[in-house]
Amino acid sequence: MQIAFSIALFFLIIIVFELTHALFRKPDTRPVYRVMERFSTGSQQEEEIDILAYRKFSDIKIFDTVLARLPAVNRLDVLMQQGGVKILAGVFILFIPTIGALLFLLCASLQAPIYLSFLMACTGMLQPYFYLLYKRKQRRSQFEILFPDALDLMGYSLKAGHSILASFQMVAEEMAEPAKEEFTRLIEEINFGKDLNTSLRNFSRRIDSPELKFFVTSVIIQRETGGNLVEMLLKISGVIRKKFRFREKVKILSAEGKLSALILLALPFFAGAAISIFNPKYIMVLFSDPLGSYAIAAGLIMMSFGSLIMYKLVQLDL
């Protein structure tokens, strides 16, 4: 136990030092700054730097090279973009063992068994990933609320004779976050030389919304085959609004089932707490008897399966 405690403390010190350095270091090593320095000083380099396609994962060059070759890190970086998390993927990865080491050291200092310390550490290391999933869902929901208004604004701009890039610019200027940020980034990619189709696909990947994918696919097909883009945007906006109204109706109709599921899940725990207060000897048999632990495990497993079934019953893929 003392060896594990010492190892966790050693790695915690190293990770905290690296996190502090990464968070407070001036970001002058980004590709855009290197491009500006190369052209402002007149120095010639054979290496071409792509300020759009290149994604940096860490300020440490060796660490960045290793992370860039790992598919899981690339998926993590996409998830961070979808959640609007602004830190580097390498810094976020360092947060995970930091949380695990802190929880392990806390449990070890409280004289907890080593298996319980490892269990708490592993549970804590999963929380950053769940946080990213929550941020992605929240940001996508905020974007989808603003997206129909953005489509209407683009349609009115195109009807007035503006180009599609000017309509993107109008949305970036008039809409709130996160639509403002994403359309601004879309415009920057196009201005820096990427074609419209590639920029739209990157836009769709960053948000991961079915409505946005429908819009991107429609625009790409319209550019290849022709058609009335204004009418198409207004129709897409109307379809998305109808879909949102139907989704809200489904939420209202399924609210009773969700409430029943919560009550059924909470009832055993409230009943156990009430019995432990008013008649503790009665419920202590469940913990003192050798079969009690098996009964608790069986009950939790059956509750988990029941929760999964009730969750599937009230879900509707829209």
Protein backbone atom coordinates (compact mmCIF):
# COMPACT_ATOMS: atom_id res chain seq x y z
CA MET A 1 0.00 0.00 0.00
CA GLN A 2 2.86 2.40 0.82
CA ILE A 3 4.52 1.68 -2.55
CA ALA A 4 1.30 2.40 -4.44
CA PHE A 5 0.81 5.56 -2.38
CA SER A 6 4.33 6.78 -3.21
CA ILE A 7 3.95 6.03 -6.93
CA ALA A 8 0.60 7.84 -7.09
CA LEU A 9 2.06 10.85 -5.27
CA PHE A 10 5.09 10.98 -7.60
CA PHE A 11 3.00 10.90 -10.78
CA LEU A 12 0.55 13.40 -9.30
CA ILE A 13 3.35 15.93 -8.75
CA ILE A 14 4.60 15.50 -12.34
CA ILE A 15 1.11 15.78 -13.81
CA VAL A 16 0.21 18.87 -11.75
CA PHE A 17 3.45 20.55 -12.86
CA GLU A 18 2.74 19.79 -16.53
CA LEU A 19 -0.88 20.95 -16.23
CA THR A 20 0.20 24.22 -14.65
CA HIS A 21 2.78 24.77 -17.38
CA ALA A 22 0.29 23.94 -20.16
CA LEU A 23 -2.54 26.10 -18.81
CA PHE A 24 -0.49 29.24 -18.13
CA ARG A 25 1.93 29.09 -21.06
CA LYS A 26 1.47 31.71 -23.75
CA PRO A 27 0.14 29.90 -26.86
CA ASP A 28 2.80 31.19 -29.27
CA THR A 29 3.51 27.78 -30.79
CA ARG A 30 0.22 27.46 -32.63
CA PRO A 31 0.60 27.00 -36.40
CA VAL A 32 -0.99 30.37 -37.20
CA TYR A 33 1.67 32.18 -35.14
CA ARG A 34 4.43 30.21 -36.85
CA VAL A 35 3.04 31.17 -40.27
CA MET A 36 2.89 34.85 -39.25
CA GLU A 37 6.44 34.74 -37.95
CA ARG A 38 7.72 33.08 -41.13
CA PHE A 39 6.21 35.70 -43.42
CA SER A 40 6.96 38.70 -41.17
CA THR A 41 10.64 37.80 -40.78
CA GLY A 42 11.07 36.70 -44.39
CA SER A 43 12.57 33.34 -43.40
CA GLN A 44 12.08 30.54 -45.91
CA GLN A 45 11.14 27.07 -44.76
CA GLU A 46 10.54 24.03 -46.87
CA GLU A 47 7.92 22.70 -44.47
CA GLU A 48 4.42 23.90 -45.29
CA ILE A 49 2.15 24.45 -42.31
CA ASP A 50 -1.57 23.85 -42.69
CA ILE A 51 -3.23 26.16 -40.18
CA LEU A 52 -6.62 24.53 -40.70
CA ALA A 53 -6.06 20.78 -41.03
CA TYR A 54 -3.37 20.50 -38.36
CA ARG A 55 -4.68 19.83 -34.87
CA LYS A 56 -2.22 20.17 -32.01
CA PHE A 57 -2.79 17.90 -29.03
CA SER A 58 0.03 19.04 -26.73
CA ASP A 59 2.69 21.76 -26.41
CA ILE A 60 5.28 19.01 -25.91
CA LYS A 61 6.38 17.98 -29.39
CA ILE A 62 7.13 14.31 -28.58
CA PHE A 63 3.87 13.95 -26.65
CA ASP A 64 1.99 15.65 -29.50
CA THR A 65 3.51 13.27 -32.07
CA VAL A 66 2.56 10.22 -30.02
CA LEU A 67 -0.99 11.45 -29.41
CA ALA A 68 -1.50 12.30 -33.09
CA ARG A 69 -0.91 8.65 -34.03
CA LEU A 70 -3.54 7.30 -31.63
CA PRO A 71 -7.06 6.98 -33.12
CA ALA A 72 -8.63 7.22 -29.65
CA VAL A 73 -7.04 10.64 -29.10
CA ASN A 74 -8.38 11.87 -32.44
CA ARG A 75 -11.86 10.73 -31.45
CA LEU A 76 -11.42 12.47 -28.10
CA ASP A 77 -10.40 15.66 -29.87
CA VAL A 78 -13.52 15.52 -32.04
CA LEU A 79 -15.63 15.01 -28.92
CA MET A 80 -13.98 18.03 -27.30
CA GLN A 81 -14.75 20.14 -30.36
CA GLN A 82 -18.36 18.99 -30.29
CA GLY A 83 -18.57 19.94 -26.61
CA GLY A 84 -16.91 23.32 -27.10
CA VAL A 85 -14.03 22.49 -24.73
CA LYS A 86 -11.16 24.86 -25.58
CA ILE A 87 -8.17 23.16 -23.93
CA LEU A 88 -5.75 20.85 -25.75
CA ALA A 89 -6.51 17.15 -25.83
CA GLY A 90 -3.18 16.36 -24.16
CA VAL A 91 -4.03 18.64 -21.23
CA PHE A 92 -7.45 17.03 -20.90
CA ILE A 93 -5.87 13.57 -20.93
CA LEU A 94 -3.57 14.63 -18.08
CA PHE A 95 -6.60 15.66 -16.04
CA ILE A 96 -7.83 12.06 -16.02
CA PRO A 97 -4.89 10.47 -14.09
CA THR A 98 -4.77 13.58 -11.88
CA ILE A 99 -8.32 12.94 -10.68
CA GLY A 100 -7.57 9.24 -10.24
CA ALA A 101 -4.39 9.92 -8.26
CA LEU A 102 -6.12 12.46 -6.02
CA LEU A 103 -8.98 10.07 -5.22
CA PHE A 104 -6.56 7.21 -4.62
CA LEU A 105 -4.45 9.32 -2.25
CA LEU A 106 -7.56 10.54 -0.44
CA CYS A 107 -8.87 7.01 0.09
CA ALA A 108 -5.42 5.79 1.13
CA SER A 109 -5.09 8.59 3.67
CA LEU A 110 -8.45 7.50 5.15
CA GLN A 111 -7.09 3.94 5.58
CA ALA A 112 -9.51 2.52 3.02
CA PRO A 113 -8.80 -0.93 1.53
CA ILE A 114 -6.61 -0.84 -1.56
CA TYR A 115 -9.32 -2.36 -3.79
CA LEU A 116 -11.76 0.34 -2.70
CA SER A 117 -9.13 3.02 -3.41
CA PHE A 118 -8.59 1.67 -6.93
CA LEU A 119 -12.37 1.46 -7.48
CA MET A 120 -12.86 5.09 -6.43
CA ALA A 121 -9.92 6.17 -8.60
CA CYS A 122 -11.31 4.38 -11.67
CA THR A 123 -14.76 5.85 -11.06
CA GLY A 124 -13.31 9.35 -10.81
CA MET A 125 -11.28 8.91 -14.00
CA LEU A 126 -14.50 8.23 -15.94
CA GLN A 127 -16.10 11.51 -14.90
CA PRO A 128 -14.24 13.76 -17.42
CA TYR A 129 -15.52 11.59 -20.27
CA PHE A 130 -19.10 11.84 -18.96
CA TYR A 131 -18.58 15.59 -18.68
CA LEU A 132 -17.63 15.76 -22.36
CA LEU A 133 -20.74 13.78 -23.32
CA TYR A 134 -22.87 16.19 -21.27
CA LYS A 135 -21.23 19.25 -22.86
CA ARG A 136 -21.71 17.83 -26.36
CA LYS A 137 -25.40 17.14 -25.73
CA GLN A 138 -25.92 20.59 -24.19
CA ARG A 139 -24.11 22.43 -26.99
CA ARG A 140 -25.90 20.47 -29.71
CA SER A 141 -29.25 21.24 -28.09
CA GLN A 142 -28.43 24.95 -27.96
CA PHE A 143 -27.38 24.93 -31.61
CA GLU A 144 -30.50 23.08 -32.76
CA ILE A 145 -32.70 25.67 -31.06
CA LEU A 146 -31.01 28.47 -33.01
CA PHE A 147 -30.59 26.59 -36.28
CA PRO A 148 -34.10 27.20 -37.79
CA ASP A 149 -33.73 30.95 -37.23
CA ALA A 150 -30.26 30.80 -38.81
CA LEU A 151 -31.71 29.06 -41.87
CA ASP A 152 -34.43 31.70 -42.18
CA LEU A 153 -31.82 34.45 -41.93
CA MET A 154 -29.72 32.78 -44.62
CA GLY A 155 -32.78 32.43 -46.85
CA TYR A 156 -33.67 36.11 -46.51
CA SER A 157 -30.06 37.09 -47.21
CA LEU A 158 -29.94 34.96 -50.38
CA LYS A 159 -33.31 36.32 -51.47
CA ALA A 160 -31.87 39.84 -51.19
CA GLY A 161 -29.14 38.87 -53.67
CA HIS A 162 -26.24 38.10 -51.33
CA SER A 163 -23.86 35.19 -51.85
CA ILE A 164 -23.96 32.10 -49.67
CA LEU A 165 -20.76 33.21 -47.95
CA ALA A 166 -22.38 36.58 -47.15
CA SER A 167 -25.37 34.73 -45.70
CA PHE A 168 -23.01 32.74 -43.46
CA GLN A 169 -21.42 36.03 -42.39
CA MET A 170 -24.82 37.49 -41.51
CA VAL A 171 -25.64 34.49 -39.33
CA ALA A 172 -22.24 34.78 -37.62
CA GLU A 173 -22.92 38.43 -36.83
CA GLU A 174 -26.56 38.20 -35.75
CA MET A 175 -27.00 34.83 -34.03
CA ALA A 176 -26.03 33.89 -30.47
CA GLU A 177 -23.59 31.22 -29.34
CA PRO A 178 -22.86 28.47 -30.32
CA ALA A 179 -24.22 29.24 -33.81
CA LYS A 180 -22.14 32.43 -33.95
CA GLU A 181 -18.90 30.58 -33.16
CA GLU A 182 -19.49 27.72 -35.58
CA PHE A 183 -20.52 29.89 -38.53
CA THR A 184 -17.55 32.16 -37.85
CA ARG A 185 -15.25 29.16 -38.00
CA LEU A 186 -16.95 28.01 -41.20
CA ILE A 187 -16.28 31.39 -42.81
CA GLU A 188 -12.65 31.37 -41.68
CA GLU A 189 -12.05 27.95 -43.21
CA ILE A 190 -13.51 29.09 -46.53
CA ASN A 191 -11.51 32.34 -46.47
CA PHE A 192 -8.29 30.44 -45.79
CA GLY A 193 -8.69 28.32 -48.90
CA LYS A 194 -10.80 25.28 -48.09
CA ASP A 195 -13.60 24.52 -50.51
CA LEU A 196 -17.19 24.94 -49.41
CA ASN A 197 -18.06 21.22 -49.40
CA THR A 198 -15.14 20.29 -47.15
CA SER A 199 -15.84 23.19 -44.79
CA LEU A 200 -19.50 22.20 -44.53
CA ARG A 201 -18.56 18.59 -43.75
CA ASN A 202 -16.21 19.78 -41.01
CA PHE A 203 -19.01 21.99 -39.71
CA SER A 204 -21.34 18.98 -39.58
CA ARG A 205 -18.73 16.87 -37.79
CA ARG A 206 -18.17 19.49 -35.08
CA ILE A 207 -21.86 19.72 -34.16
CA ASP A 208 -22.98 16.12 -34.92
CA SER A 209 -26.62 17.13 -35.36
CA PRO A 210 -29.00 15.28 -37.73
CA GLU A 211 -30.61 18.59 -38.70
CA LEU A 212 -27.25 20.10 -39.62
CA LYS A 213 -26.26 16.99 -41.60
CA PHE A 214 -29.52 17.28 -43.52
CA PHE A 215 -28.72 20.91 -44.33
CA VAL A 216 -25.12 20.16 -45.36
CA THR A 217 -26.19 17.29 -47.62
CA SER A 218 -28.87 19.46 -49.25
CA VAL A 219 -26.46 22.33 -49.95
CA ILE A 220 -23.82 20.01 -51.43
CA ILE A 221 -26.38 18.31 -53.69
CA GLN A 222 -27.83 21.68 -54.72
CA ARG A 223 -24.37 22.95 -55.72
CA GLU A 224 -23.87 19.88 -57.94
CA THR A 225 -27.32 19.61 -59.50
CA GLY A 226 -28.72 23.14 -59.22
CA GLY A 227 -32.04 24.35 -57.84
CA ASN A 228 -33.60 27.08 -55.74
CA LEU A 229 -31.41 27.34 -52.66
CA VAL A 230 -33.66 29.90 -50.94
CA GLU A 231 -36.72 27.70 -51.21
CA MET A 232 -34.73 24.71 -50.02
CA LEU A 233 -33.47 26.54 -46.90
CA LEU A 234 -36.96 27.75 -45.97
CA LYS A 235 -38.39 24.25 -46.40
CA ILE A 236 -35.64 22.73 -44.26
CA SER A 237 -36.34 25.36 -41.59
CA GLY A 238 -40.05 24.48 -41.63
CA VAL A 239 -39.36 20.74 -41.40
CA ILE A 240 -36.97 21.23 -38.46
CA ARG A 241 -39.53 23.36 -36.59
CA LYS A 242 -42.22 20.69 -37.11
CA LYS A 243 -39.79 18.08 -35.86
CA PHE A 244 -39.06 20.11 -32.72
CA ARG A 245 -42.79 20.52 -32.03
CA PHE A 246 -43.30 16.78 -32.42
CA ARG A 247 -40.33 16.13 -30.12
CA GLU A 248 -41.82 18.37 -27.42
CA LYS A 249 -45.14 16.53 -27.77
CA VAL A 250 -43.37 13.21 -27.29
CA LYS A 251 -41.66 14.55 -24.15
CA ILE A 252 -45.03 15.57 -22.72
CA LEU A 253 -46.63 12.20 -23.48
CA SER A 254 -43.66 10.27 -22.04
CA ALA A 255 -43.36 12.42 -18.90
CA GLU A 256 -45.72 10.16 -16.96
CA GLY A 257 -43.70 7.06 -17.79
CA LYS A 258 -40.46 8.77 -16.79
CA LEU A 259 -41.94 9.92 -13.48
CA SER A 260 -43.24 6.40 -12.77
CA ALA A 261 -39.80 4.99 -13.50
CA LEU A 262 -38.13 7.44 -11.10
CA ILE A 263 -40.62 6.63 -8.34
CA LEU A 264 -40.16 2.88 -8.79
CA LEU A 265 -36.39 3.25 -8.71
CA ALA A 266 -36.36 5.47 -5.63
CA LEU A 267 -38.99 3.51 -3.67
CA PRO A 268 -36.70 0.65 -2.46
CA PHE A 269 -34.07 3.10 -1.20
CA PHE A 270 -36.61 5.30 0.59
CA ALA A 271 -38.25 2.22 2.09
CA GLY A 272 -34.88 0.90 3.27
CA ALA A 273 -33.99 4.27 4.81
CA ALA A 274 -37.36 4.46 6.61
CA ILE A 275 -37.02 0.92 7.98
CA SER A 276 -33.46 1.59 9.16
CA ILE A 277 -34.73 4.61 11.13
CA PHE A 278 -37.88 3.11 12.70
CA ASN A 279 -36.84 -0.56 13.02
CA PRO A 280 -33.07 -0.93 12.51
CA LYS A 281 -32.94 -4.52 13.87
CA TYR A 282 -35.29 -5.68 11.15
CA ILE A 283 -33.15 -4.45 8.26
CA MET A 284 -29.78 -5.33 9.84
CA VAL A 285 -30.52 -8.98 9.13
CA LEU A 286 -29.99 -8.16 5.46
CA PHE A 287 -26.39 -7.17 6.22
CA SER A 288 -25.55 -9.69 8.95
CA ASP A 289 -26.87 -12.80 7.20
CA PRO A 290 -24.45 -14.36 4.64
CA LEU A 291 -27.22 -14.47 2.04
CA GLY A 292 -27.93 -10.78 2.48
CA SER A 293 -25.14 -9.61 0.17
CA TYR A 294 -26.38 -11.93 -2.58
CA ALA A 295 -29.91 -10.63 -2.12
CA ILE A 296 -28.69 -7.02 -2.41
CA ALA A 297 -26.66 -7.82 -5.53
CA ALA A 298 -29.60 -9.64 -7.14
CA GLY A 299 -31.90 -6.72 -6.35
CA LEU A 300 -29.50 -4.17 -7.86
CA ILE A 301 -29.06 -6.26 -11.01
CA MET A 302 -32.82 -6.64 -11.49
CA MET A 303 -33.31 -2.90 -10.87
CA SER A 304 -30.67 -2.14 -13.49
CA PHE A 305 -32.39 -4.31 -16.10
CA GLY A 306 -35.75 -2.80 -15.20
CA SER A 307 -34.34 0.72 -15.50
CA LEU A 308 -32.89 -0.09 -18.92
CA ILE A 309 -36.22 -1.47 -20.15
CA MET A 310 -38.19 1.54 -18.85
CA TYR A 311 -35.62 3.91 -20.41
CA LYS A 312 -36.01 2.23 -23.81
CA LEU A 313 -39.80 2.41 -23.56
CA VAL A 314 -39.89 6.18 -23.16
CA GLN A 315 -37.21 6.95 -25.78
CA LEU A 316 -37.98 7.88 -29.38
CA ASP A 317 -35.30 8.42 -31.98
CA LEU A 318 -36.16 11.66 -33.78
